[in-house]
């Protein structure tokens, strides 16, 4: 955690660490170009609102842009949220 004057700046955390029932905003997507394109094509873009629905057998089930999708925990680790 970094404190600048009256603002606390939290470092981004991966989507894979967010608890079910939580709604967050995507800050960025890390990884190779193909990974970023794949995640971007299903709605994981900067400032997109994502709700974590549940975790099931190594997959993270989320709602993004009104659609429920399941992504692997490894891909969820590439999505950084603020």
C-alpha atoms as a PDB file:
ATOM      1  CA  UNK A   1       0.000   0.000   0.000  1.00  0.00           C
ATOM      2  CA  UNK A   2       1.287   3.445  -0.959  1.00  0.00           C
ATOM      3  CA  UNK A   3       0.051   6.628   0.686  1.00  0.00           C
ATOM      4  CA  UNK A   4       0.269   9.871  -1.269  1.00  0.00           C
ATOM      5  CA  UNK A   5      -1.045  12.887   0.651  1.00  0.00           C
ATOM      6  CA  UNK A   6      -4.638  11.959   1.523  1.00  0.00           C
ATOM      7  CA  UNK A   7      -4.985   9.129  -1.010  1.00  0.00           C
ATOM      8  CA  UNK A   8      -4.247   5.472  -0.406  1.00  0.00           C
ATOM      9  CA  UNK A   9      -3.151   3.682  -3.563  1.00  0.00           C
ATOM     10  CA  UNK A  10      -3.782  -0.042  -3.436  1.00  0.00           C
ATOM     11  CA  UNK A  11      -1.771  -2.250  -5.781  1.00  0.00           C
ATOM     12  CA  UNK A  12      -3.892  -4.212  -8.265  1.00  0.00           C
ATOM     13  CA  UNK A  13      -4.781  -7.777  -7.321  1.00  0.00           C
ATOM     14  CA  UNK A  14      -5.633 -10.665  -9.633  1.00  0.00           C
ATOM     15  CA  UNK A  15      -9.270 -11.574 -10.222  1.00  0.00           C
ATOM     16  CA  UNK A  16      -8.482 -15.095  -9.028  1.00  0.00           C
ATOM     17  CA  UNK A  17      -8.164 -13.744  -5.466  1.00  0.00           C
ATOM     18  CA  UNK A  18     -11.587 -12.058  -5.340  1.00  0.00           C
ATOM     19  CA  UNK A  19     -14.295 -13.699  -3.224  1.00  0.00           C
ATOM     20  CA  UNK A  20     -17.584 -14.816  -4.787  1.00  0.00           C
ATOM     21  CA  UNK A  21     -20.300 -12.164  -4.616  1.00  0.00           C
ATOM     22  CA  UNK A  22     -17.848  -9.297  -5.085  1.00  0.00           C
ATOM     23  CA  UNK A  23     -18.129  -6.791  -7.947  1.00  0.00           C
ATOM     24  CA  UNK A  24     -14.893  -5.184  -9.142  1.00  0.00           C
ATOM     25  CA  UNK A  25     -13.530  -3.150 -12.058  1.00  0.00           C
ATOM     26  CA  UNK A  26     -10.827  -4.400 -14.394  1.00  0.00           C
ATOM     27  CA  UNK A  27      -7.696  -2.292 -14.239  1.00  0.00           C
ATOM     28  CA  UNK A  28      -5.624  -4.183 -16.811  1.00  0.00           C
ATOM     29  CA  UNK A  29      -4.945  -7.586 -18.324  1.00  0.00           C
ATOM     30  CA  UNK A  30      -1.441  -9.031 -18.263  1.00  0.00           C
ATOM     31  CA  UNK A  31       0.136 -11.775 -20.323  1.00  0.00           C
ATOM     32  CA  UNK A  32       1.014 -12.438 -23.937  1.00  0.00           C
ATOM     33  CA  UNK A  33      -0.834 -10.700 -26.766  1.00  0.00           C
ATOM     34  CA  UNK A  34      -2.918 -13.802 -27.504  1.00  0.00           C
ATOM     35  CA  UNK A  35      -4.007 -14.040 -23.859  1.00  0.00           C
ATOM     36  CA  UNK A  36      -4.938 -10.361 -23.711  1.00  0.00           C
ATOM     37  CA  UNK A  37      -6.894 -10.637 -26.988  1.00  0.00           C
ATOM     38  CA  UNK A  38      -8.745 -13.735 -25.786  1.00  0.00           C
ATOM     39  CA  UNK A  39      -9.763 -12.104 -22.511  1.00  0.00           C
ATOM     40  CA  UNK A  40     -10.592  -8.814 -24.245  1.00  0.00           C
ATOM     41  CA  UNK A  41     -12.879 -10.589 -26.720  1.00  0.00           C
ATOM     42  CA  UNK A  42     -15.057 -11.871 -23.872  1.00  0.00           C
ATOM     43  CA  UNK A  43     -15.232  -8.493 -22.147  1.00  0.00           C
ATOM     44  CA  UNK A  44     -12.215  -8.246 -19.848  1.00  0.00           C
ATOM     45  CA  UNK A  45     -11.145  -4.729 -20.818  1.00  0.00           C
ATOM     46  CA  UNK A  46     -10.099  -1.733 -18.719  1.00  0.00           C
ATOM     47  CA  UNK A  47     -12.933  -0.342 -16.573  1.00  0.00           C
ATOM     48  CA  UNK A  48     -15.260  -3.295 -17.274  1.00  0.00           C
ATOM     49  CA  UNK A  49     -17.377  -4.259 -14.269  1.00  0.00           C
ATOM     50  CA  UNK A  50     -16.978  -7.914 -13.264  1.00  0.00           C
ATOM     51  CA  UNK A  51     -18.898  -9.853 -10.617  1.00  0.00           C
ATOM     52  CA  UNK A  52     -17.396 -13.063  -9.293  1.00  0.00           C
ATOM     53  CA  UNK A  53     -20.222 -15.592  -9.059  1.00  0.00           C
ATOM     54  CA  UNK A  54     -18.371 -18.665  -7.793  1.00  0.00           C
ATOM     55  CA  UNK A  55     -15.364 -20.922  -8.078  1.00  0.00           C
ATOM     56  CA  UNK A  56     -15.846 -24.452  -9.318  1.00  0.00           C
ATOM     57  CA  UNK A  57     -13.191 -27.112  -9.956  1.00  0.00           C
ATOM     58  CA  UNK A  58     -10.398 -24.675 -10.724  1.00  0.00           C
ATOM     59  CA  UNK A  59     -12.583 -22.342 -12.788  1.00  0.00           C
ATOM     60  CA  UNK A  60     -13.752 -18.878 -11.820  1.00  0.00           C
ATOM     61  CA  UNK A  61     -17.326 -18.125 -12.872  1.00  0.00           C
ATOM     62  CA  UNK A  62     -17.973 -14.432 -13.434  1.00  0.00           C
ATOM     63  CA  UNK A  63     -20.501 -12.079 -14.966  1.00  0.00           C
ATOM     64  CA  UNK A  64     -18.915  -9.608 -17.357  1.00  0.00           C
ATOM     65  CA  UNK A  65     -20.887  -7.240 -19.604  1.00  0.00           C
ATOM     66  CA  UNK A  66     -24.117  -9.048 -18.733  1.00  0.00           C
ATOM     67  CA  UNK A  67     -22.846 -12.514 -19.658  1.00  0.00           C
ATOM     68  CA  UNK A  68     -21.864 -15.323 -17.309  1.00  0.00           C
ATOM     69  CA  UNK A  69     -18.591 -16.978 -18.302  1.00  0.00           C
ATOM     70  CA  UNK A  70     -16.192 -19.467 -16.745  1.00  0.00           C
ATOM     71  CA  UNK A  71     -12.454 -18.940 -17.100  1.00  0.00           C
ATOM     72  CA  UNK A  72      -9.593 -20.966 -15.710  1.00  0.00           C
ATOM     73  CA  UNK A  73      -7.956 -19.846 -12.512  1.00  0.00           C
ATOM     74  CA  UNK A  74      -4.763 -19.237 -14.538  1.00  0.00           C
ATOM     75  CA  UNK A  75      -6.589 -16.816 -16.864  1.00  0.00           C
ATOM     76  CA  UNK A  76      -8.325 -15.144 -13.904  1.00  0.00           C
ATOM     77  CA  UNK A  77      -4.860 -14.562 -12.455  1.00  0.00           C
ATOM     78  CA  UNK A  78      -4.042 -12.452 -15.564  1.00  0.00           C
ATOM     79  CA  UNK A  79      -6.959 -10.059 -14.980  1.00  0.00           C
ATOM     80  CA  UNK A  80      -5.864  -7.328 -12.568  1.00  0.00           C
ATOM     81  CA  UNK A  81      -8.561  -5.462 -10.698  1.00  0.00           C
ATOM     82  CA  UNK A  82      -8.637  -2.214  -8.770  1.00  0.00           C
END
